[in-house]
PDB file of all heavy atoms in Angstrom:
ATOM      1  N   LEU A   1      17.866-123.407  46.138  1.00  0.00           N
ATOM      2  CA  LEU A   1      16.935-122.294  46.325  1.00  0.00           C
ATOM      3  C   LEU A   1      17.574-121.118  47.064  1.00  0.00           C
ATOM      4  O   LEU A   1      16.995-120.034  47.114  1.00  0.00           O
ATOM      5  CB  LEU A   1      15.713-122.772  47.126  1.00  0.00           C
ATOM      6  CG  LEU A   1      14.909-123.939  46.548  1.00  0.00           C
ATOM      7  CD1 LEU A   1      13.782-124.309  47.517  1.00  0.00           C
ATOM      8  CD2 LEU A   1      14.347-123.602  45.178  1.00  0.00           C
ATOM      9  N   CYS A   2      18.747-121.374  47.643  1.00  0.00           N
ATOM     10  CA  CYS A   2      19.329-120.385  48.560  1.00  0.00           C
ATOM     11  C   CYS A   2      20.172-119.335  47.848  1.00  0.00           C
ATOM     12  O   CYS A   2      20.886-119.627  46.893  1.00  0.00           O
ATOM     13  CB  CYS A   2      20.208-121.089  49.600  1.00  0.00           C
ATOM     14  SG  CYS A   2      19.299-122.040  50.815  1.00  0.00           S
ATOM     15  N   ARG A   3      20.074-118.123  48.367  1.00  0.00           N
ATOM     16  CA  ARG A   3      20.983-117.038  48.019  1.00  0.00           C
ATOM     17  C   ARG A   3      20.850-115.990  49.121  1.00  0.00           C
ATOM     18  O   ARG A   3      19.804-115.899  49.774  1.00  0.00           O
ATOM     19  CB  ARG A   3      20.651-116.432  46.656  1.00  0.00           C
ATOM     20  CG  ARG A   3      19.289-115.774  46.561  1.00  0.00           C
ATOM     21  CD  ARG A   3      19.064-115.222  45.164  1.00  0.00           C
ATOM     22  NE  ARG A   3      17.819-114.467  45.064  1.00  0.00           N
ATOM     23  CZ  ARG A   3      16.639-114.995  44.852  1.00  0.00           C
ATOM     24  NH1 ARG A   3      16.532-116.298  44.709  1.00  0.00           N
ATOM     25  NH2 ARG A   3      15.564-114.237  44.757  1.00  0.00           N
ATOM     26  N   PRO A   4      21.883-115.218  49.380  1.00  0.00           N
ATOM     27  CA  PRO A   4      21.788-114.204  50.443  1.00  0.00           C
ATOM     28  C   PRO A   4      20.680-113.191  50.145  1.00  0.00           C
ATOM     29  O   PRO A   4      20.692-112.534  49.103  1.00  0.00           O
ATOM     30  CB  PRO A   4      23.172-113.542  50.408  1.00  0.00           C
ATOM     31  CG  PRO A   4      24.069-114.576  49.804  1.00  0.00           C
ATOM     32  CD  PRO A   4      23.219-115.288  48.785  1.00  0.00           C
ATOM     33  N   ARG A   5      19.704-113.064  51.034  1.00  0.00           N
ATOM     34  CA  ARG A   5      18.595-112.135  50.842  1.00  0.00           C
ATOM     35  C   ARG A   5      17.860-111.930  52.168  1.00  0.00           C
ATOM     36  O   ARG A   5      18.029-112.718  53.103  1.00  0.00           O
ATOM     37  CB  ARG A   5      17.617-112.643  49.774  1.00  0.00           C
ATOM     38  CG  ARG A   5      17.138-114.062  50.019  1.00  0.00           C
ATOM     39  CD  ARG A   5      16.286-114.583  48.882  1.00  0.00           C
ATOM     40  NE  ARG A   5      16.121-116.029  48.970  1.00  0.00           N
ATOM     41  CZ  ARG A   5      15.361-116.751  48.148  1.00  0.00           C
ATOM     42  NH1 ARG A   5      14.690-116.162  47.177  1.00  0.00           N
ATOM     43  NH2 ARG A   5      15.282-118.073  48.293  1.00  0.00           N
ATOM     44  N   TYR A   6      17.060-110.874  52.196  1.00  0.00           N
ATOM     45  CA  TYR A   6      16.254-110.547  53.380  1.00  0.00           C
ATOM     46  C   TYR A   6      17.107-110.549  54.653  1.00  0.00           C
ATOM     47  O   TYR A   6      16.812-111.229  55.634  1.00  0.00           O
ATOM     48  CB  TYR A   6      15.072-111.505  53.520  1.00  0.00           C
ATOM     49  CG  TYR A   6      14.161-111.529  52.318  1.00  0.00           C
ATOM     50  CD1 TYR A   6      13.993-112.693  51.571  1.00  0.00           C
ATOM     51  CD2 TYR A   6      13.489-110.378  51.920  1.00  0.00           C
ATOM     52  CE1 TYR A   6      13.171-112.717  50.448  1.00  0.00           C
ATOM     53  CE2 TYR A   6      12.651-110.394  50.798  1.00  0.00           C
ATOM     54  CZ  TYR A   6      12.499-111.556  50.068  1.00  0.00           C
ATOM     55  OH  TYR A   6      11.686-111.571  48.965  1.00  0.00           O
ATOM     56  N   ARG A   7      18.159-109.737  54.618  1.00  0.00           N
ATOM     57  CA  ARG A   7      19.091-109.687  55.745  1.00  0.00           C
ATOM     58  C   ARG A   7      18.418-109.202  57.031  1.00  0.00           C
ATOM     59  O   ARG A   7      18.946-109.400  58.115  1.00  0.00           O
ATOM     60  CB  ARG A   7      20.273-108.784  55.392  1.00  0.00           C
ATOM     61  CG  ARG A   7      21.128-109.307  54.239  1.00  0.00           C
ATOM     62  CD  ARG A   7      21.784-110.628  54.609  1.00  0.00           C
ATOM     63  NE  ARG A   7      22.625-111.152  53.550  1.00  0.00           N
ATOM     64  CZ  ARG A   7      23.905-110.870  53.416  1.00  0.00           C
ATOM     65  NH1 ARG A   7      24.493-110.055  54.265  1.00  0.00           N
ATOM     66  NH2 ARG A   7      24.613-111.401  52.448  1.00  0.00           N
ATOM     67  N   GLY A   8      17.270-108.561  56.916  1.00  0.00           N
ATOM     68  CA  GLY A   8      16.576-108.086  58.102  1.00  0.00           C
ATOM     69  C   GLY A   8      16.171-109.206  59.042  1.00  0.00           C
ATOM     70  O   GLY A   8      15.932-108.968  60.229  1.00  0.00           O
ATOM     71  N   LEU A   9      16.096-110.436  58.517  1.00  0.00           N
ATOM     72  CA  LEU A   9      15.730-111.572  59.356  1.00  0.00           C
ATOM     73  C   LEU A   9      16.903-112.088  60.190  1.00  0.00           C
ATOM     74  O   LEU A   9      16.764-113.072  60.916  1.00  0.00           O
ATOM     75  CB  LEU A   9      15.164-112.704  58.504  1.00  0.00           C
ATOM     76  CG  LEU A   9      13.781-112.427  57.893  1.00  0.00           C
ATOM     77  CD1 LEU A   9      13.332-113.588  57.028  1.00  0.00           C
ATOM     78  CD2 LEU A   9      12.758-112.181  58.994  1.00  0.00           C
ATOM     79  N   PHE A  10      18.050-111.419  60.079  1.00  0.00           N
ATOM     80  CA  PHE A  10      19.209-111.804  60.887  1.00  0.00           C
ATOM     81  C   PHE A  10      19.575-110.720  61.891  1.00  0.00           C
ATOM     82  O   PHE A  10      20.655-110.742  62.467  1.00  0.00           O
ATOM     83  CB  PHE A  10      20.399-112.132  59.974  1.00  0.00           C
ATOM     84  CG  PHE A  10      20.145-113.305  59.078  1.00  0.00           C
ATOM     85  CD1 PHE A  10      19.710-113.104  57.764  1.00  0.00           C
ATOM     86  CD2 PHE A  10      20.299-114.601  59.532  1.00  0.00           C
ATOM     87  CE1 PHE A  10      19.450-114.177  56.932  1.00  0.00           C
ATOM     88  CE2 PHE A  10      20.037-115.679  58.703  1.00  0.00           C
ATOM     89  CZ  PHE A  10      19.611-115.475  57.401  1.00  0.00           C
ATOM     90  N   THR A  11      18.657-109.776  62.100  1.00  0.00           N
ATOM     91  CA  THR A  11      18.876-108.739  63.108  1.00  0.00           C
ATOM     92  C   THR A  11      18.563-109.304  64.499  1.00  0.00           C
ATOM     93  O   THR A  11      17.963-110.367  64.640  1.00  0.00           O
ATOM     94  CB  THR A  11      17.984-107.520  62.829  1.00  0.00           C
ATOM     95  OG1 THR A  11      16.610-107.948  62.785  1.00  0.00           O
ATOM     96  CG2 THR A  11      18.348-106.870  61.506  1.00  0.00           C
ATOM     97  N   ALA A  12      18.969-108.560  65.526  1.00  0.00           N
ATOM     98  CA  ALA A  12      18.867-109.048  66.906  1.00  0.00           C
ATOM     99  C   ALA A  12      17.455-109.467  67.309  1.00  0.00           C
ATOM    100  O   ALA A  12      17.278-110.544  67.904  1.00  0.00           O
ATOM    101  CB  ALA A  12      19.420-107.997  67.867  1.00  0.00           C
ATOM    102  N   PRO A  13      16.404-108.678  67.025  1.00  0.00           N
ATOM    103  CA  PRO A  13      15.054-109.102  67.458  1.00  0.00           C
ATOM    104  C   PRO A  13      14.615-110.422  66.822  1.00  0.00           C
ATOM    105  O   PRO A  13      14.021-111.276  67.505  1.00  0.00           O
ATOM    106  CB  PRO A  13      14.158-107.939  67.013  1.00  0.00           C
ATOM    107  CG  PRO A  13      15.076-106.769  66.896  1.00  0.00           C
ATOM    108  CD  PRO A  13      16.370-107.339  66.414  1.00  0.00           C
ATOM    109  N   VAL A  14      14.910-110.600  65.532  1.00  0.00           N
ATOM    110  CA  VAL A  14      14.502-111.835  64.855  1.00  0.00           C
ATOM    111  C   VAL A  14      15.373-113.001  65.316  1.00  0.00           C
ATOM    112  O   VAL A  14      14.901-114.141  65.425  1.00  0.00           O
ATOM    113  CB  VAL A  14      14.564-111.677  63.325  1.00  0.00           C
ATOM    114  CG1 VAL A  14      14.035-112.931  62.630  1.00  0.00           C
ATOM    115  CG2 VAL A  14      13.760-110.469  62.878  1.00  0.00           C
ATOM    116  N   ARG A  15      16.649-112.736  65.598  1.00  0.00           N
ATOM    117  CA  ARG A  15      17.514-113.786  66.146  1.00  0.00           C
ATOM    118  C   ARG A  15      16.945-114.305  67.468  1.00  0.00           C
ATOM    119  O   ARG A  15      17.009-115.499  67.755  1.00  0.00           O
ATOM    120  CB  ARG A  15      18.933-113.251  66.355  1.00  0.00           C
ATOM    121  CG  ARG A  15      19.709-112.994  65.084  1.00  0.00           C
ATOM    122  CD  ARG A  15      21.094-112.431  65.401  1.00  0.00           C
ATOM    123  NE  ARG A  15      21.943-113.460  65.971  1.00  0.00           N
ATOM    124  CZ  ARG A  15      22.786-114.211  65.260  1.00  0.00           C
ATOM    125  NH1 ARG A  15      22.877-114.048  63.947  1.00  0.00           N
ATOM    126  NH2 ARG A  15      23.529-115.120  65.855  1.00  0.00           N
ATOM    127  N   LEU A  16      16.388-113.394  68.263  1.00  0.00           N
ATOM    128  CA  LEU A  16      15.793-113.806  69.541  1.00  0.00           C
ATOM    129  C   LEU A  16      14.597-114.727  69.299  1.00  0.00           C
ATOM    130  O   LEU A  16      14.460-115.772  69.951  1.00  0.00           O
ATOM    131  CB  LEU A  16      15.378-112.582  70.342  1.00  0.00           C
ATOM    132  CG  LEU A  16      14.685-112.853  71.685  1.00  0.00           C
ATOM    133  CD1 LEU A  16      15.598-113.663  72.607  1.00  0.00           C
ATOM    134  CD2 LEU A  16      14.260-111.551  72.351  1.00  0.00           C
ATOM    135  N   VAL A  17      13.721-114.348  68.352  1.00  0.00           N
ATOM    136  CA  VAL A  17      12.561-115.190  68.029  1.00  0.00           C
ATOM    137  C   VAL A  17      13.027-116.538  67.488  1.00  0.00           C
ATOM    138  O   VAL A  17      12.491-117.598  67.863  1.00  0.00           O
ATOM    139  CB  VAL A  17      11.663-114.480  66.997  1.00  0.00           C
ATOM    140  CG1 VAL A  17      10.549-115.416  66.520  1.00  0.00           C
ATOM    141  CG2 VAL A  17      11.065-113.210  67.588  1.00  0.00           C
ATOM    142  N   THR A  18      14.034-116.519  66.612  1.00  0.00           N
ATOM    143  CA  THR A  18      14.572-117.765  66.063  1.00  0.00           C
ATOM    144  C   THR A  18      15.122-118.651  67.173  1.00  0.00           C
ATOM    145  O   THR A  18      14.891-119.865  67.200  1.00  0.00           O
ATOM    146  CB  THR A  18      15.673-117.462  65.030  1.00  0.00           C
ATOM    147  OG1 THR A  18      15.148-116.627  63.992  1.00  0.00           O
ATOM    148  CG2 THR A  18      16.211-118.752  64.414  1.00  0.00           C
ATOM    149  N   GLY A  19      15.853-118.040  68.094  1.00  0.00           N
ATOM    150  CA  GLY A  19      16.410-118.800  69.208  1.00  0.00           C
ATOM    151  C   GLY A  19      15.338-119.435  70.069  1.00  0.00           C
ATOM    152  O   GLY A  19      15.468-120.586  70.508  1.00  0.00           O
ATOM    153  N   ILE A  20      14.249-118.707  70.311  1.00  0.00           N
ATOM    154  CA  ILE A  20      13.150-119.243  71.126  1.00  0.00           C
ATOM    155  C   ILE A  20      12.504-120.446  70.434  1.00  0.00           C
ATOM    156  O   ILE A  20      12.249-121.482  71.058  1.00  0.00           O
ATOM    157  CB  ILE A  20      12.111-118.151  71.409  1.00  0.00           C
ATOM    158  CG1 ILE A  20      12.707-117.079  72.344  1.00  0.00           C
ATOM    159  CG2 ILE A  20      10.845-118.749  72.026  1.00  0.00           C
ATOM    160  CD1 ILE A  20      11.827-115.864  72.516  1.00  0.00           C
ATOM    161  N   LEU A  21      12.243-120.314  69.133  1.00  0.00           N
ATOM    162  CA  LEU A  21      11.631-121.430  68.400  1.00  0.00           C
ATOM    163  C   LEU A  21      12.572-122.632  68.335  1.00  0.00           C
ATOM    164  O   LEU A  21      12.139-123.783  68.465  1.00  0.00           O
ATOM    165  CB  LEU A  21      11.239-120.988  66.992  1.00  0.00           C
ATOM    166  CG  LEU A  21       9.907-120.239  66.873  1.00  0.00           C
ATOM    167  CD1 LEU A  21       9.711-119.723  65.455  1.00  0.00           C
ATOM    168  CD2 LEU A  21       8.745-121.133  67.275  1.00  0.00           C
ATOM    169  N   LEU A  22      13.859-122.379  68.130  1.00  0.00           N
ATOM    170  CA  LEU A  22      14.827-123.478  68.112  1.00  0.00           C
ATOM    171  C   LEU A  22      14.886-124.182  69.469  1.00  0.00           C
ATOM    172  O   LEU A  22      14.988-125.404  69.548  1.00  0.00           O
ATOM    173  CB  LEU A  22      16.216-122.962  67.729  1.00  0.00           C
ATOM    174  CG  LEU A  22      16.465-122.672  66.241  1.00  0.00           C
ATOM    175  CD1 LEU A  22      17.783-121.942  66.059  1.00  0.00           C
ATOM    176  CD2 LEU A  22      16.454-123.967  65.431  1.00  0.00           C
ATOM    177  N   ALA A  23      14.827-123.387  70.536  1.00  0.00           N
ATOM    178  CA  ALA A  23      14.841-123.973  71.880  1.00  0.00           C
ATOM    179  C   ALA A  23      13.620-124.871  72.078  1.00  0.00           C
ATOM    180  O   ALA A  23      13.719-125.961  72.663  1.00  0.00           O
ATOM    181  CB  ALA A  23      14.882-122.872  72.934  1.00  0.00           C
ATOM    182  N   LEU A  24      12.463-124.421  71.594  1.00  0.00           N
ATOM    183  CA  LEU A  24      11.253-125.237  71.700  1.00  0.00           C
ATOM    184  C   LEU A  24      11.417-126.537  70.924  1.00  0.00           C
ATOM    185  O   LEU A  24      11.051-127.620  71.413  1.00  0.00           O
ATOM    186  CB  LEU A  24      10.053-124.449  71.178  1.00  0.00           C
ATOM    187  CG  LEU A  24       8.719-125.217  71.113  1.00  0.00           C
ATOM    188  CD1 LEU A  24       8.310-125.707  72.496  1.00  0.00           C
ATOM    189  CD2 LEU A  24       7.621-124.327  70.515  1.00  0.00           C
ATOM    190  N   LEU A  25      11.980-126.458  69.719  1.00  0.00           N
ATOM    191  CA  LEU A  25      12.200-127.669  68.922  1.00  0.00           C
ATOM    192  C   LEU A  25      13.138-128.628  69.646  1.00  0.00           C
ATOM    193  O   LEU A  25      12.938-129.843  69.641  1.00  0.00           O
ATOM    194  CB  LEU A  25      12.773-127.299  67.549  1.00  0.00           C
ATOM    195  CG  LEU A  25      11.857-126.511  66.621  1.00  0.00           C
ATOM    196  CD1 LEU A  25      12.609-126.098  65.358  1.00  0.00           C
ATOM    197  CD2 LEU A  25      10.615-127.306  66.257  1.00  0.00           C
ATOM    198  N   GLY A  26      14.195-128.070  70.261  1.00  0.00           N
ATOM    199  CA  GLY A  26      15.125-128.912  70.997  1.00  0.00           C
ATOM    200  C   GLY A  26      14.460-129.620  72.161  1.00  0.00           C
ATOM    201  O   GLY A  26      14.681-130.813  72.389  1.00  0.00           O
ATOM    202  N   VAL A  27      13.611-128.898  72.894  1.00  0.00           N
ATOM    203  CA  VAL A  27      12.901-129.494  74.029  1.00  0.00           C
ATOM    204  C   VAL A  27      11.944-130.576  73.545  1.00  0.00           C
ATOM    205  O   VAL A  27      11.826-131.645  74.171  1.00  0.00           O
ATOM    206  CB  VAL A  27      12.150-128.411  74.823  1.00  0.00           C
ATOM    207  CG1 VAL A  27      11.216-129.035  75.843  1.00  0.00           C
ATOM    208  CG2 VAL A  27      13.133-127.471  75.523  1.00  0.00           C
ATOM    209  N   LEU A  28      11.253-130.324  72.434  1.00  0.00           N
ATOM    210  CA  LEU A  28      10.296-131.310  71.910  1.00  0.00           C
ATOM    211  C   LEU A  28      10.987-132.632  71.539  1.00  0.00           C
ATOM    212  O   LEU A  28      10.371-133.699  71.600  1.00  0.00           O
ATOM    213  CB  LEU A  28       9.574-130.752  70.685  1.00  0.00           C
ATOM    214  CG  LEU A  28       8.561-129.629  70.954  1.00  0.00           C
ATOM    215  CD1 LEU A  28       8.003-129.099  69.649  1.00  0.00           C
ATOM    216  CD2 LEU A  28       7.443-130.126  71.860  1.00  0.00           C
ATOM    217  N   MET A  29      12.266-132.545  71.176  1.00  0.00           N
ATOM    218  CA  MET A  29      12.978-133.760  70.794  1.00  0.00           C
ATOM    219  C   MET A  29      13.335-134.631  71.996  1.00  0.00           C
ATOM    220  O   MET A  29      13.789-135.759  71.839  1.00  0.00           O
ATOM    221  CB  MET A  29      14.225-133.397  69.981  1.00  0.00           C
ATOM    222  CG  MET A  29      13.865-132.849  68.602  1.00  0.00           C
ATOM    223  SD  MET A  29      15.283-132.312  67.643  1.00  0.00           S
ATOM    224  CE  MET A  29      16.131-133.850  67.412  1.00  0.00           C
TER     225      MET A  29
END
């Protein structure tokens, strides 16, 4: 299903949101 697209989701603000959610997932584990 993958192909390079929607590069806007890799900008700094979205990276911050992604990092926060990943951190939460890590803590939940």
